Amino acid sequence: MVEMARSPSYSGSMDTVRLEDRAALVALLQVRPQGMRWGEITAEVIETGSALAVWHRLVPPTLMDSPGEPGPLEAAAQDIEGWTGQGHAIATVLDDSYPARLRGVHQAPPVLFARGKLVPHDRAVSVVGSRKASDRGLVRQS
């Protein structure tokens, strides 16, 4: 079994989530079996405890992938390797490094990306917004 190591910029402990489970989560998000939304996929993966098990249950096997093209799981694994190769640390809802309080919220993001030094258990705030906020958004913010 292949295990995915952390980005060198991460100073915390290595996660034990296998590359196959991470790849299955990314593939589920890309394929969207049965038209599932990402929040539904995330909830299903959290409840099951394995994205690979959810993949095998929801995505029927194909007889053969397109010649010369990787299948969805392999393509997702290549995406993950590309992201980590660019210096991104990745935490999925299955990883120990995923913030526990965030995992418990409705529609928790399935995958988090980070760059720089991450300090486990550090209290932090992330601000996400738009450079072109709508009028409604500006009213809500004030």
C-alpha atoms as a PDB file:
ATOM      1  CA  MET A   1       0.000   0.000   0.000  1.00  0.00           C
ATOM      2  CA  VAL A   2       1.265   3.418  -0.942  1.00  0.00           C
ATOM      3  CA  GLU A   3       1.233   6.083   1.746  1.00  0.00           C
ATOM      4  CA  MET A   4       1.372   9.724   0.850  1.00  0.00           C
ATOM      5  CA  ALA A   5       4.004  11.734   2.663  1.00  0.00           C
ATOM      6  CA  ARG A   6       3.458  15.325   3.671  1.00  0.00           C
ATOM      7  CA  SER A   7       4.809  18.236   1.806  1.00  0.00           C
ATOM      8  CA  PRO A   8       8.320  19.104   3.041  1.00  0.00           C
ATOM      9  CA  SER A   9       7.009  22.483   4.216  1.00  0.00           C
ATOM     10  CA  TYR A  10       4.726  20.820   6.761  1.00  0.00           C
ATOM     11  CA  SER A  11       6.222  20.518  10.235  1.00  0.00           C
ATOM     12  CA  GLY A  12       3.568  18.261  11.770  1.00  0.00           C
ATOM     13  CA  SER A  13       3.284  14.497  11.953  1.00  0.00           C
ATOM     14  CA  MET A  14       2.742  12.428   8.822  1.00  0.00           C
ATOM     15  CA  ASP A  15      -0.825  11.425   8.096  1.00  0.00           C
ATOM     16  CA  THR A  16      -1.625   7.775   7.764  1.00  0.00           C
ATOM     17  CA  VAL A  17      -4.292   8.211   5.106  1.00  0.00           C
ATOM     18  CA  ARG A  18      -3.263   6.196   2.105  1.00  0.00           C
ATOM     19  CA  LEU A  19      -2.735   7.803  -1.275  1.00  0.00           C
ATOM     20  CA  GLU A  20      -5.476   5.522  -2.618  1.00  0.00           C
ATOM     21  CA  ASP A  21      -8.030   7.003  -0.202  1.00  0.00           C
ATOM     22  CA  ARG A  22      -6.983  10.548  -1.024  1.00  0.00           C
ATOM     23  CA  ALA A  23      -7.107   9.773  -4.738  1.00  0.00           C
ATOM     24  CA  ALA A  24     -10.545   8.188  -4.341  1.00  0.00           C
ATOM     25  CA  LEU A  25     -11.847  11.328  -2.600  1.00  0.00           C
ATOM     26  CA  VAL A  26     -10.492  13.593  -5.350  1.00  0.00           C
ATOM     27  CA  ALA A  27     -11.864  11.235  -8.026  1.00  0.00           C
ATOM     28  CA  LEU A  28     -15.293  11.209  -6.359  1.00  0.00           C
ATOM     29  CA  LEU A  29     -15.283  15.009  -6.399  1.00  0.00           C
ATOM     30  CA  GLN A  30     -14.314  15.025 -10.083  1.00  0.00           C
ATOM     31  CA  VAL A  31     -16.673  12.261 -11.267  1.00  0.00           C
ATOM     32  CA  ARG A  32     -19.644  13.185  -9.031  1.00  0.00           C
ATOM     33  CA  PRO A  33     -21.316   9.745  -9.128  1.00  0.00           C
ATOM     34  CA  GLN A  34     -25.097   9.838  -9.332  1.00  0.00           C
ATOM     35  CA  GLY A  35     -24.904  13.643  -9.583  1.00  0.00           C
ATOM     36  CA  MET A  36     -23.833  13.937  -5.940  1.00  0.00           C
ATOM     37  CA  ARG A  37     -22.770  17.351  -4.679  1.00  0.00           C
ATOM     38  CA  TRP A  38     -19.436  17.757  -2.937  1.00  0.00           C
ATOM     39  CA  GLY A  39     -21.121  18.152   0.451  1.00  0.00           C
ATOM     40  CA  GLU A  40     -22.930  14.846   0.002  1.00  0.00           C
ATOM     41  CA  ILE A  41     -19.714  13.130  -1.065  1.00  0.00           C
ATOM     42  CA  THR A  42     -17.874  14.548   1.943  1.00  0.00           C
ATOM     43  CA  ALA A  43     -20.598  13.450   4.365  1.00  0.00           C
ATOM     44  CA  GLU A  44     -20.634   9.953   2.852  1.00  0.00           C
ATOM     45  CA  VAL A  45     -16.841   9.652   3.108  1.00  0.00           C
ATOM     46  CA  ILE A  46     -16.816  10.871   6.728  1.00  0.00           C
ATOM     47  CA  GLU A  47     -19.588   8.438   7.670  1.00  0.00           C
ATOM     48  CA  THR A  48     -17.928   5.501   5.903  1.00  0.00           C
ATOM     49  CA  GLY A  49     -14.375   6.382   6.956  1.00  0.00           C
ATOM     50  CA  SER A  50     -12.969   5.462   3.545  1.00  0.00           C
ATOM     51  CA  ALA A  51     -13.241   7.287   0.244  1.00  0.00           C
ATOM     52  CA  LEU A  52     -12.074   4.147  -1.530  1.00  0.00           C
ATOM     53  CA  ALA A  53     -14.971   2.152  -0.073  1.00  0.00           C
ATOM     54  CA  VAL A  54     -17.400   4.871  -1.197  1.00  0.00           C
ATOM     55  CA  TRP A  55     -15.794   4.847  -4.664  1.00  0.00           C
ATOM     56  CA  HIS A  56     -16.211   1.073  -5.023  1.00  0.00           C
ATOM     57  CA  ARG A  57     -19.815   1.273  -3.842  1.00  0.00           C
ATOM     58  CA  LEU A  58     -20.916   4.197  -6.039  1.00  0.00           C
ATOM     59  CA  VAL A  59     -18.792   3.984  -9.187  1.00  0.00           C
ATOM     60  CA  PRO A  60     -19.329   0.892 -11.319  1.00  0.00           C
ATOM     61  CA  PRO A  61     -16.165  -0.654 -12.736  1.00  0.00           C
ATOM     62  CA  THR A  62     -15.505  -0.194 -16.424  1.00  0.00           C
ATOM     63  CA  LEU A  63     -14.286  -2.952 -18.668  1.00  0.00           C
ATOM     64  CA  MET A  64     -11.380  -0.895 -19.921  1.00  0.00           C
ATOM     65  CA  ASP A  65     -10.115   2.659 -19.559  1.00  0.00           C
ATOM     66  CA  SER A  66      -9.531   4.707 -22.692  1.00  0.00           C
ATOM     67  CA  PRO A  67      -6.241   3.658 -24.304  1.00  0.00           C
ATOM     68  CA  GLY A  68      -3.379   5.922 -23.289  1.00  0.00           C
ATOM     69  CA  GLU A  69      -5.418   7.733 -20.642  1.00  0.00           C
ATOM     70  CA  PRO A  70      -5.302   7.064 -16.918  1.00  0.00           C
ATOM     71  CA  GLY A  71      -8.477   5.964 -15.169  1.00  0.00           C
ATOM     72  CA  PRO A  72     -10.151   8.378 -12.735  1.00  0.00           C
ATOM     73  CA  LEU A  73      -8.334   7.026  -9.643  1.00  0.00           C
ATOM     74  CA  GLU A  74      -4.930   7.150 -11.312  1.00  0.00           C
ATOM     75  CA  ALA A  75      -5.604  10.631 -12.729  1.00  0.00           C
ATOM     76  CA  ALA A  76      -6.619  11.869  -9.267  1.00  0.00           C
ATOM     77  CA  ALA A  77      -3.439  10.378  -7.751  1.00  0.00           C
ATOM     78  CA  GLN A  78      -1.421  12.209 -10.416  1.00  0.00           C
ATOM     79  CA  ASP A  79      -3.228  15.455  -9.543  1.00  0.00           C
ATOM     80  CA  ILE A  80      -2.355  14.996  -5.866  1.00  0.00           C
ATOM     81  CA  GLU A  81       1.283  14.281  -6.663  1.00  0.00           C
ATOM     82  CA  GLY A  82       1.360  17.401  -8.841  1.00  0.00           C
ATOM     83  CA  TRP A  83      -0.101  19.564  -6.079  1.00  0.00           C
ATOM     84  CA  THR A  84       2.326  18.277  -3.461  1.00  0.00           C
ATOM     85  CA  GLY A  85       5.162  18.621  -5.965  1.00  0.00           C
ATOM     86  CA  GLN A  86       4.310  22.322  -6.181  1.00  0.00           C
ATOM     87  CA  GLY A  87       4.741  22.634  -2.416  1.00  0.00           C
ATOM     88  CA  HIS A  88       1.107  22.398  -1.347  1.00  0.00           C
ATOM     89  CA  ALA A  89       0.245  20.557   1.842  1.00  0.00           C
ATOM     90  CA  ILE A  90      -3.035  18.693   1.470  1.00  0.00           C
ATOM     91  CA  ALA A  91      -5.409  17.632   4.224  1.00  0.00           C
ATOM     92  CA  THR A  92      -8.549  15.655   3.453  1.00  0.00           C
ATOM     93  CA  VAL A  93     -11.464  15.113   5.821  1.00  0.00           C
ATOM     94  CA  LEU A  94      -9.890  11.705   6.537  1.00  0.00           C
ATOM     95  CA  ASP A  95      -6.512  13.108   7.614  1.00  0.00           C
ATOM     96  CA  ASP A  96      -5.496  13.584  11.244  1.00  0.00           C
ATOM     97  CA  SER A  97      -4.188  17.039  10.299  1.00  0.00           C
ATOM     98  CA  TYR A  98      -7.638  18.169   9.105  1.00  0.00           C
ATOM     99  CA  PRO A  99      -9.036  20.605  11.706  1.00  0.00           C
ATOM    100  CA  ALA A 100     -11.424  18.640  13.933  1.00  0.00           C
ATOM    101  CA  ARG A 101     -13.745  21.599  14.463  1.00  0.00           C
ATOM    102  CA  LEU A 102     -14.006  22.155  10.729  1.00  0.00           C
ATOM    103  CA  ARG A 103     -14.718  18.463  10.094  1.00  0.00           C
ATOM    104  CA  GLY A 104     -17.784  18.791  12.314  1.00  0.00           C
ATOM    105  CA  VAL A 105     -19.429  21.655  10.430  1.00  0.00           C
ATOM    106  CA  HIS A 106     -22.188  21.207   7.863  1.00  0.00           C
ATOM    107  CA  GLN A 107     -20.628  20.941   4.404  1.00  0.00           C
ATOM    108  CA  ALA A 108     -17.034  20.780   5.616  1.00  0.00           C
ATOM    109  CA  PRO A 109     -14.633  21.282   2.696  1.00  0.00           C
ATOM    110  CA  PRO A 110     -13.435  17.831   1.579  1.00  0.00           C
ATOM    111  CA  VAL A 111      -9.868  18.924   0.829  1.00  0.00           C
ATOM    112  CA  LEU A 112      -7.774  21.754   2.257  1.00  0.00           C
ATOM    113  CA  PHE A 113      -4.672  23.132   0.576  1.00  0.00           C
ATOM    114  CA  ALA A 114      -1.962  25.068   2.394  1.00  0.00           C
ATOM    115  CA  ARG A 115       1.462  26.497   1.750  1.00  0.00           C
ATOM    116  CA  GLY A 116       4.073  27.540   4.245  1.00  0.00           C
ATOM    117  CA  LYS A 117       4.600  26.337   7.768  1.00  0.00           C
ATOM    118  CA  LEU A 118       1.602  24.724   9.457  1.00  0.00           C
ATOM    119  CA  VAL A 119       1.675  24.431  13.215  1.00  0.00           C
ATOM    120  CA  PRO A 120      -0.544  21.662  14.608  1.00  0.00           C
ATOM    121  CA  HIS A 121      -3.101  22.856  17.169  1.00  0.00           C
ATOM    122  CA  ASP A 122      -2.227  26.490  16.408  1.00  0.00           C
ATOM    123  CA  ARG A 123      -5.211  28.803  16.766  1.00  0.00           C
ATOM    124  CA  ALA A 124      -5.682  30.498  13.441  1.00  0.00           C
ATOM    125  CA  VAL A 125      -8.228  32.224  11.277  1.00  0.00           C
ATOM    126  CA  SER A 126      -8.637  31.995   7.534  1.00  0.00           C
ATOM    127  CA  VAL A 127     -10.381  34.736   5.619  1.00  0.00           C
ATOM    128  CA  VAL A 128     -11.813  33.866   2.238  1.00  0.00           C
ATOM    129  CA  GLY A 129     -13.568  36.406   0.108  1.00  0.00           C
ATOM    130  CA  SER A 130     -14.040  37.978  -3.252  1.00  0.00           C
ATOM    131  CA  ARG A 131     -12.203  40.855  -4.815  1.00  0.00           C
ATOM    132  CA  LYS A 132     -15.468  41.780  -6.510  1.00  0.00           C
ATOM    133  CA  ALA A 133     -18.066  41.436  -3.782  1.00  0.00           C
ATOM    134  CA  SER A 134     -21.708  41.783  -4.775  1.00  0.00           C
ATOM    135  CA  ASP A 135     -23.834  44.640  -3.427  1.00  0.00           C
ATOM    136  CA  ARG A 136     -25.734  42.096  -1.318  1.00  0.00           C
ATOM    137  CA  GLY A 137     -22.461  40.708   0.042  1.00  0.00           C
ATOM    138  CA  LEU A 138     -21.222  44.173   0.977  1.00  0.00           C
ATOM    139  CA  VAL A 139     -24.476  44.911   2.823  1.00  0.00           C
ATOM    140  CA  ARG A 140     -24.232  41.596   4.706  1.00  0.00           C
ATOM    141  CA  GLN A 141     -20.620  42.258   5.641  1.00  0.00           C
ATOM    142  CA  SER A 142     -21.283  45.687   7.170  1.00  0.00           C
END
